[in-house]
Amino acid sequence: MASSKSTHASSVSSRPRPSDARILPQQLITFALNKAEHELIKLTVIRRDDEDWSDDDVDPGNAVDVALHRVRQVMQEPPLNHDDFANAWYEIASIVNLAGRAFSRRDSDYFRALEVLRVVFDVYAELVDEAEQEVQHG
């Protein structure tokens, strides 16, 4: 009977404590890229279904396509380190920001989705930076 108690005690002590459970930067990078891809795909669907889409907005629409392509490239060849991710992430964020500035119809679902995507890029950049800092500084 004593052996089952000691076996149980050792298995409990080997479990990670809640304070040990951390999200690793690479996990956040993967999640951020998946979220960006999802939101960019939503934008392409909104554009496709937008009956009021105008040729005036071809540049922002193409920019979103380029951003989606770039996200998928980064997903195919994941960054080797935090700096490589940050460079790619901010490059894609710049494309999205320029699309938002160039888009003509501020009262549309497309513009609102672009604004959400801009926030996504800001928030996930901060989360990945914080996770990286925590790994570096313990």
Foldseek 3Di string as FASTA:
>chain_A
DVVVVVVVVVVVVPDDDPVRDDDALVNLLLVLLVVLLVLLVVLLVQQVPDPPDDPQLPQLNVLSVVLNVLSVVCVVVPDPDDVRSLVSLVVSLVSLVVSLVSDDDCPDPSNVSSVVSNVSSVVSNVVSVVNVVVVVVD
